[in-house]
């Protein structure tokens, strides 16, 4: 179970498309509103794959899970369409990877990028 959860969290948050705001050391407050922060720091993966959605209990719809944690995961596919349109309307990214393989590759590339010595 721990392996499954760690894969879900890595593919939903530690990928190339997500972004994280930095705060000034004296401020300790993120400027973005909560919902905007959730959308920017989260990615969906394999949203059309019903087997993966079933195996993951809908956690491959991480944006929807973060925005609506008390809504049943069976509604996430419909919610994702609404959220995507709203993100477009407000100029926000809707981070997703069409397949789990694409999310895994993005995670590996991002980990390599993080591992490079930045001077």
N, C-alpha and C. Protein backbone atom coordinates (compact mmCIF):
# COMPACT_ATOMS: atom_id res chain seq x y z
N UNK A 1 0.83 -1.19 0.00
CA UNK A 1 0.00 0.00 0.00
C UNK A 1 0.87 1.25 0.00
N UNK A 2 1.95 1.22 0.75
CA UNK A 2 2.84 2.37 0.80
C UNK A 2 3.46 2.67 -0.55
N UNK A 3 3.80 1.64 -1.30
CA UNK A 3 4.37 1.83 -2.63
C UNK A 3 3.35 2.49 -3.55
N UNK A 4 2.11 2.02 -3.51
CA UNK A 4 1.06 2.60 -4.35
C UNK A 4 0.84 4.07 -4.01
N UNK A 5 0.75 4.37 -2.73
CA UNK A 5 0.54 5.76 -2.31
C UNK A 5 1.72 6.65 -2.69
N UNK A 6 2.93 6.14 -2.55
CA UNK A 6 4.09 6.96 -2.92
C UNK A 6 4.12 7.22 -4.41
N UNK A 7 3.74 6.24 -5.23
CA UNK A 7 3.68 6.45 -6.68
C UNK A 7 2.63 7.51 -7.01
N UNK A 8 1.47 7.41 -6.41
CA UNK A 8 0.41 8.39 -6.65
C UNK A 8 0.89 9.80 -6.28
N UNK A 9 1.47 9.96 -5.12
CA UNK A 9 1.91 11.28 -4.68
C UNK A 9 3.02 11.83 -5.58
N UNK A 10 3.95 10.97 -5.99
CA UNK A 10 5.04 11.42 -6.86
C UNK A 10 4.50 11.87 -8.21
N UNK A 11 3.60 11.08 -8.81
CA UNK A 11 3.08 11.40 -10.13
C UNK A 11 2.12 12.58 -10.10
N UNK A 12 1.56 12.87 -8.95
CA UNK A 12 0.62 13.97 -8.83
C UNK A 12 1.27 15.29 -8.45
N UNK A 13 2.47 15.23 -7.88
CA UNK A 13 3.08 16.46 -7.38
C UNK A 13 4.51 16.71 -7.84
N UNK A 14 5.27 15.66 -8.06
CA UNK A 14 6.70 15.82 -8.38
C UNK A 14 6.90 15.50 -9.85
N UNK A 15 6.36 16.37 -10.69
CA UNK A 15 6.44 16.25 -12.15
C UNK A 15 6.75 17.62 -12.73
N UNK A 16 7.07 17.64 -14.01
CA UNK A 16 7.52 18.87 -14.66
C UNK A 16 6.47 19.97 -14.72
N UNK A 17 5.22 19.64 -14.81
CA UNK A 17 4.18 20.66 -15.02
C UNK A 17 3.76 21.39 -13.75
N UNK A 18 3.98 20.80 -12.60
CA UNK A 18 3.56 21.46 -11.37
C UNK A 18 4.54 22.57 -11.00
N UNK A 19 4.07 23.53 -10.25
CA UNK A 19 4.94 24.61 -9.80
C UNK A 19 4.61 24.95 -8.36
N UNK A 20 5.62 25.43 -7.67
CA UNK A 20 5.46 25.75 -6.26
C UNK A 20 5.94 27.16 -6.01
N UNK A 21 5.12 27.95 -5.33
CA UNK A 21 5.48 29.32 -5.01
C UNK A 21 6.48 29.35 -3.86
N UNK A 22 7.39 30.28 -3.94
CA UNK A 22 8.33 30.52 -2.85
C UNK A 22 7.86 31.72 -2.07
N UNK A 23 8.14 31.72 -0.78
CA UNK A 23 7.76 32.85 0.05
C UNK A 23 9.03 33.46 0.65
N UNK A 24 8.95 34.74 0.91
CA UNK A 24 10.06 35.41 1.57
C UNK A 24 10.19 34.84 2.98
N UNK A 25 11.41 34.75 3.46
CA UNK A 25 11.64 34.14 4.77
C UNK A 25 10.90 34.88 5.88
N UNK A 26 10.75 36.18 5.75
CA UNK A 26 10.07 36.95 6.79
C UNK A 26 8.55 36.95 6.64
N UNK A 27 8.05 36.49 5.49
CA UNK A 27 6.62 36.56 5.22
C UNK A 27 5.88 35.30 5.66
N UNK A 28 6.33 34.13 5.21
CA UNK A 28 5.75 32.83 5.55
C UNK A 28 4.30 32.66 5.09
N UNK A 29 3.89 33.45 4.10
CA UNK A 29 2.54 33.35 3.56
C UNK A 29 2.64 33.21 2.05
N UNK A 30 1.91 32.25 1.50
CA UNK A 30 1.86 32.09 0.05
C UNK A 30 0.84 33.07 -0.50
N UNK A 31 1.24 33.81 -1.52
CA UNK A 31 0.39 34.87 -2.04
C UNK A 31 -0.86 34.35 -2.75
N UNK A 32 -0.77 33.20 -3.40
CA UNK A 32 -1.90 32.67 -4.16
C UNK A 32 -3.01 32.18 -3.23
N UNK A 33 -4.23 32.33 -3.70
CA UNK A 33 -5.36 31.79 -2.96
C UNK A 33 -5.24 30.27 -2.88
N UNK A 34 -5.92 29.67 -1.93
CA UNK A 34 -5.84 28.23 -1.69
C UNK A 34 -6.13 27.43 -2.95
N UNK A 35 -7.23 27.69 -3.64
CA UNK A 35 -7.61 26.89 -4.80
C UNK A 35 -6.59 27.04 -5.93
N UNK A 36 -6.08 28.24 -6.14
CA UNK A 36 -5.06 28.46 -7.17
C UNK A 36 -3.80 27.68 -6.82
N UNK A 37 -3.42 27.72 -5.56
CA UNK A 37 -2.25 26.96 -5.10
C UNK A 37 -2.44 25.46 -5.36
N UNK A 38 -3.62 24.95 -5.07
CA UNK A 38 -3.89 23.52 -5.28
C UNK A 38 -3.79 23.15 -6.76
N UNK A 39 -4.32 23.98 -7.63
CA UNK A 39 -4.28 23.71 -9.07
C UNK A 39 -2.85 23.74 -9.59
N UNK A 40 -2.07 24.71 -9.16
CA UNK A 40 -0.69 24.84 -9.66
C UNK A 40 0.23 23.73 -9.17
N UNK A 41 0.00 23.23 -7.98
CA UNK A 41 0.93 22.26 -7.37
C UNK A 41 0.52 20.81 -7.57
N UNK A 42 -0.50 20.58 -8.39
CA UNK A 42 -1.05 19.25 -8.53
C UNK A 42 -1.24 18.90 -10.01
N UNK A 43 -1.16 17.62 -10.33
CA UNK A 43 -1.39 17.16 -11.70
C UNK A 43 -2.23 15.89 -11.69
N UNK A 44 -3.09 15.79 -12.67
CA UNK A 44 -3.84 14.55 -12.90
C UNK A 44 -3.03 13.68 -13.84
N UNK A 45 -3.27 12.38 -13.81
CA UNK A 45 -2.63 11.48 -14.77
C UNK A 45 -3.57 10.35 -15.12
N UNK A 46 -3.48 9.90 -16.37
CA UNK A 46 -4.30 8.81 -16.91
C UNK A 46 -5.79 9.00 -16.63
N UNK A 47 -6.34 10.19 -16.92
CA UNK A 47 -7.74 10.42 -16.58
C UNK A 47 -8.74 9.60 -17.40
N UNK A 48 -8.33 9.13 -18.57
CA UNK A 48 -9.24 8.34 -19.40
C UNK A 48 -9.12 6.83 -19.13
N UNK A 49 -8.18 6.44 -18.30
CA UNK A 49 -7.94 5.03 -18.05
C UNK A 49 -8.79 4.58 -16.85
N UNK A 50 -9.88 3.90 -17.14
CA UNK A 50 -10.81 3.50 -16.08
C UNK A 50 -10.20 2.46 -15.14
N UNK A 51 -9.31 1.63 -15.64
CA UNK A 51 -8.66 0.63 -14.79
C UNK A 51 -7.77 1.32 -13.76
N UNK A 52 -6.95 2.26 -14.22
CA UNK A 52 -6.09 2.99 -13.29
C UNK A 52 -6.93 3.80 -12.30
N UNK A 53 -7.98 4.43 -12.79
CA UNK A 53 -8.86 5.18 -11.89
C UNK A 53 -9.46 4.27 -10.82
N UNK A 54 -9.86 3.07 -11.22
CA UNK A 54 -10.42 2.13 -10.26
C UNK A 54 -9.36 1.66 -9.27
N UNK A 55 -8.18 1.28 -9.79
CA UNK A 55 -7.11 0.79 -8.92
C UNK A 55 -6.64 1.85 -7.94
N UNK A 56 -6.63 3.11 -8.36
CA UNK A 56 -6.14 4.21 -7.53
C UNK A 56 -7.26 4.84 -6.70
N UNK A 57 -8.46 4.36 -6.86
CA UNK A 57 -9.58 4.94 -6.12
C UNK A 57 -9.82 6.39 -6.50
N UNK A 58 -9.51 6.73 -7.76
CA UNK A 58 -9.73 8.09 -8.24
C UNK A 58 -8.61 9.06 -7.91
N UNK A 59 -7.56 8.60 -7.24
CA UNK A 59 -6.48 9.51 -6.86
C UNK A 59 -5.61 9.95 -8.03
N UNK A 60 -5.85 9.40 -9.20
CA UNK A 60 -5.17 9.92 -10.40
C UNK A 60 -5.82 11.24 -10.83
N UNK A 61 -6.96 11.58 -10.26
CA UNK A 61 -7.60 12.89 -10.43
C UNK A 61 -7.24 13.74 -9.21
N UNK A 62 -5.98 14.08 -9.09
CA UNK A 62 -5.50 14.79 -7.90
C UNK A 62 -6.02 16.21 -7.79
N UNK A 63 -6.16 16.91 -8.90
CA UNK A 63 -6.67 18.29 -8.83
C UNK A 63 -8.06 18.27 -8.22
N UNK A 64 -8.90 17.40 -8.73
CA UNK A 64 -10.27 17.29 -8.23
C UNK A 64 -10.29 16.82 -6.78
N UNK A 65 -9.42 15.89 -6.45
CA UNK A 65 -9.32 15.40 -5.07
C UNK A 65 -8.94 16.52 -4.11
N UNK A 66 -8.00 17.37 -4.52
CA UNK A 66 -7.58 18.47 -3.64
C UNK A 66 -8.64 19.55 -3.51
N UNK A 67 -9.33 19.84 -4.60
CA UNK A 67 -10.35 20.89 -4.55
C UNK A 67 -11.64 20.43 -3.89
N UNK A 68 -11.97 19.15 -4.06
CA UNK A 68 -13.23 18.62 -3.54
C UNK A 68 -12.99 17.30 -2.79
N UNK A 69 -12.29 17.35 -1.66
CA UNK A 69 -11.93 16.12 -0.96
C UNK A 69 -13.12 15.33 -0.40
N UNK A 70 -14.26 15.97 -0.23
CA UNK A 70 -15.41 15.29 0.35
C UNK A 70 -16.40 14.79 -0.70
N UNK A 71 -16.05 14.96 -1.97
CA UNK A 71 -16.90 14.48 -3.07
C UNK A 71 -16.39 13.09 -3.47
N UNK A 72 -17.30 12.18 -3.74
CA UNK A 72 -16.92 10.83 -4.15
C UNK A 72 -16.10 10.88 -5.44
N UNK A 73 -15.09 10.01 -5.51
CA UNK A 73 -14.21 9.98 -6.67
C UNK A 73 -14.94 9.59 -7.96
N UNK A 74 -16.11 9.02 -7.86
CA UNK A 74 -16.84 8.66 -9.08
C UNK A 74 -17.28 9.90 -9.86
N UNK A 75 -17.28 11.04 -9.20
CA UNK A 75 -17.66 12.30 -9.86
C UNK A 75 -16.46 13.07 -10.42
N UNK A 76 -15.25 12.61 -10.14
CA UNK A 76 -14.06 13.33 -10.58
C UNK A 76 -13.96 13.51 -12.10
N UNK A 77 -14.27 12.50 -12.92
CA UNK A 77 -14.18 12.73 -14.37
C UNK A 77 -15.07 13.89 -14.85
N UNK A 78 -16.28 13.98 -14.34
CA UNK A 78 -17.17 15.08 -14.72
C UNK A 78 -16.65 16.41 -14.17
N UNK A 79 -16.18 16.40 -12.93
CA UNK A 79 -15.63 17.61 -12.33
C UNK A 79 -14.41 18.10 -13.09
N UNK A 80 -13.60 17.17 -13.59
CA UNK A 80 -12.37 17.56 -14.28
C UNK A 80 -12.67 18.42 -15.50
N UNK A 81 -13.74 18.11 -16.20
CA UNK A 81 -14.11 18.91 -17.38
C UNK A 81 -14.49 20.33 -16.97
N UNK A 82 -15.22 20.46 -15.90
CA UNK A 82 -15.63 21.79 -15.41
C UNK A 82 -14.42 22.57 -14.92
N UNK A 83 -13.56 21.92 -14.15
CA UNK A 83 -12.38 22.59 -13.61
C UNK A 83 -11.44 23.03 -14.73
N UNK A 84 -11.27 22.18 -15.73
CA UNK A 84 -10.39 22.53 -16.85
C UNK A 84 -10.90 23.79 -17.56
N UNK A 85 -12.21 23.86 -17.79
CA UNK A 85 -12.78 25.05 -18.44
C UNK A 85 -12.58 26.30 -17.58
N UNK A 86 -12.75 26.16 -16.28
CA UNK A 86 -12.56 27.31 -15.39
C UNK A 86 -11.10 27.74 -15.35
N UNK A 87 -10.19 26.78 -15.38
CA UNK A 87 -8.76 27.12 -15.43
C UNK A 87 -8.44 27.90 -16.70
N UNK A 88 -8.97 27.46 -17.82
CA UNK A 88 -8.76 28.18 -19.08
C UNK A 88 -9.33 29.60 -18.98
N UNK A 89 -10.52 29.73 -18.41
CA UNK A 89 -11.18 31.03 -18.28
C UNK A 89 -10.34 32.00 -17.45
N UNK A 90 -9.69 31.49 -16.40
CA UNK A 90 -8.91 32.34 -15.51
C UNK A 90 -7.42 32.32 -15.80
N UNK A 91 -7.01 31.69 -16.90
CA UNK A 91 -5.61 31.66 -17.28
C UNK A 91 -4.72 30.86 -16.35
N UNK A 92 -5.29 29.83 -15.76
CA UNK A 92 -4.52 28.96 -14.86
C UNK A 92 -4.16 27.67 -15.58
N UNK A 93 -3.04 27.07 -15.21
CA UNK A 93 -2.69 25.79 -15.83
C UNK A 93 -3.58 24.68 -15.30
N UNK A 94 -3.93 23.76 -16.15
CA UNK A 94 -4.60 22.53 -15.71
C UNK A 94 -3.62 21.42 -16.03
N UNK A 95 -2.85 21.02 -15.04
CA UNK A 95 -1.76 20.07 -15.23
C UNK A 95 -2.29 18.65 -15.30
N UNK A 96 -2.01 17.99 -16.41
CA UNK A 96 -2.38 16.59 -16.50
C UNK A 96 -1.49 15.88 -17.51
N UNK A 97 -1.41 14.59 -17.34
CA UNK A 97 -0.68 13.71 -18.24
C UNK A 97 -1.68 12.68 -18.75
N UNK A 98 -1.85 12.58 -20.06
CA UNK A 98 -2.86 11.67 -20.61
C UNK A 98 -2.67 10.20 -20.21
N UNK A 99 -1.42 9.80 -19.99
CA UNK A 99 -1.18 8.40 -19.60
C UNK A 99 -0.31 8.35 -18.36
N UNK A 100 -0.35 7.23 -17.69
CA UNK A 100 0.49 7.04 -16.51
C UNK A 100 1.96 7.00 -16.93
N UNK A 101 2.24 6.42 -18.08
CA UNK A 101 3.60 6.36 -18.58
C UNK A 101 4.18 7.76 -18.78
N UNK A 102 3.39 8.67 -19.34
CA UNK A 102 3.86 10.05 -19.53
C UNK A 102 4.15 10.71 -18.18
N UNK A 103 3.32 10.43 -17.19
CA UNK A 103 3.55 10.99 -15.85
C UNK A 103 4.82 10.42 -15.23
N UNK A 104 5.05 9.13 -15.41
CA UNK A 104 6.26 8.51 -14.88
C UNK A 104 7.50 9.11 -15.53
N UNK A 105 7.48 9.25 -16.86
CA UNK A 105 8.62 9.84 -17.56
C UNK A 105 8.85 11.28 -17.11
N UNK A 106 7.78 12.03 -16.92
CA UNK A 106 7.92 13.40 -16.45
C UNK A 106 8.54 13.43 -15.05
N UNK A 107 8.12 12.51 -14.20
CA UNK A 107 8.67 12.43 -12.85
C UNK A 107 10.18 12.13 -12.90
N UNK A 108 10.57 11.18 -13.73
CA UNK A 108 11.98 10.82 -13.84
C UNK A 108 12.80 12.00 -14.37
N UNK A 109 12.29 12.67 -15.41
CA UNK A 109 12.99 13.85 -15.94
C UNK A 109 13.12 14.94 -14.88
N UNK A 110 12.05 15.15 -14.12
CA UNK A 110 12.08 16.19 -13.09
C UNK A 110 13.06 15.83 -11.97
N UNK A 111 13.11 14.57 -11.59
CA UNK A 111 14.06 14.14 -10.57
C UNK A 111 15.50 14.33 -11.05
N UNK A 112 15.75 14.05 -12.32
CA UNK A 112 17.09 14.28 -12.89
C UNK A 112 17.42 15.77 -12.84
N UNK A 113 16.45 16.60 -13.18
CA UNK A 113 16.65 18.05 -13.15
C UNK A 113 16.95 18.51 -11.72
N UNK A 114 16.23 18.00 -10.75
CA UNK A 114 16.46 18.38 -9.36
C UNK A 114 17.84 17.90 -8.87
N UNK A 115 18.30 16.80 -9.44
CA UNK A 115 19.58 16.25 -9.02
C UNK A 115 20.81 16.94 -9.62
N UNK A 116 20.58 17.79 -10.61
CA UNK A 116 21.71 18.50 -11.21
C UNK A 116 22.20 19.59 -10.27
N UNK A 117 23.49 19.87 -10.33
CA UNK A 117 24.06 20.92 -9.51
C UNK A 117 23.71 22.28 -10.11
N UNK A 118 22.87 23.04 -9.43
CA UNK A 118 22.48 24.37 -9.89
C UNK A 118 23.40 25.39 -9.24
N UNK A 119 24.10 26.11 -10.06
CA UNK A 119 25.03 27.12 -9.52
C UNK A 119 24.51 28.51 -9.76
